[in-house]
Protein backbone atom coordinates (compact mmCIF):
# COMPACT_ATOMS: atom_id res chain seq x y z
CA MET A 1 -52.21 25.25 -51.64
CA ILE A 2 -54.70 27.99 -51.27
CA SER A 3 -56.99 26.07 -48.96
CA GLY A 4 -53.92 25.25 -46.60
CA ILE A 5 -53.19 28.98 -46.29
CA VAL A 6 -56.92 29.90 -45.78
CA THR A 7 -56.92 27.20 -42.95
CA ALA A 8 -53.81 28.46 -41.28
CA ILE A 9 -55.16 32.09 -41.27
CA LEU A 10 -58.59 31.04 -39.82
CA LEU A 11 -56.72 29.03 -37.23
CA LEU A 12 -54.64 31.93 -36.15
CA CYS A 13 -57.96 34.27 -36.00
CA PHE A 14 -59.58 31.50 -33.76
CA ILE A 15 -56.55 31.22 -31.49
CA SER A 16 -56.29 35.02 -31.43
CA GLY A 17 -59.94 35.27 -30.37
CA TRP A 18 -59.38 32.52 -27.79
CA VAL A 19 -56.56 34.19 -26.34
CA TRP A 20 -58.36 37.64 -26.19
CA ALA A 21 -61.42 36.08 -24.45
CA TRP A 22 -59.36 34.34 -21.72
CA SER A 23 -57.23 37.27 -20.96
CA PRO A 24 -57.00 38.06 -17.40
CA LYS A 25 -57.55 41.76 -18.38
CA ARG A 26 -61.08 40.86 -19.75
CA LYS A 27 -62.13 38.98 -16.54
CA THR A 28 -63.83 41.96 -14.85
CA GLU A 29 -65.38 43.08 -18.18
CA PHE A 30 -66.89 39.81 -18.70
CA GLU A 31 -68.16 39.47 -15.02
CA ALA A 32 -69.79 42.79 -15.27
CA ALA A 33 -71.56 41.72 -18.53
CA ALA A 34 -72.67 38.39 -16.95
CA GLN A 35 -74.42 40.34 -14.16
CA LEU A 36 -76.33 42.44 -16.47
CA PRO A 37 -79.24 40.19 -16.83
CA LEU A 38 -79.46 39.75 -12.88
CA ASP A 39 -79.47 43.53 -12.20
CA ASP A 40 -83.02 44.92 -11.52
CA ASP A 41 -81.95 48.53 -10.70
CA GLU A 42 -84.09 49.91 -13.60
CA GLU A 43 -87.91 49.62 -14.00
CA GLN A 44 -88.92 48.41 -17.42
CA GLY A 45 -91.30 50.76 -19.21
CA SER A 46 -94.79 49.56 -20.00
């Protein structure tokens, strides 16, 4: 019984995270984060 409840809670958490990640509101934020490794605006200190 308890394992079924835990499974249902974890499934809900997974679905919530998936909906959050694929939300149209997050698209610009994730696109900006995806470009961070490609930005060479700052010089690396050595």
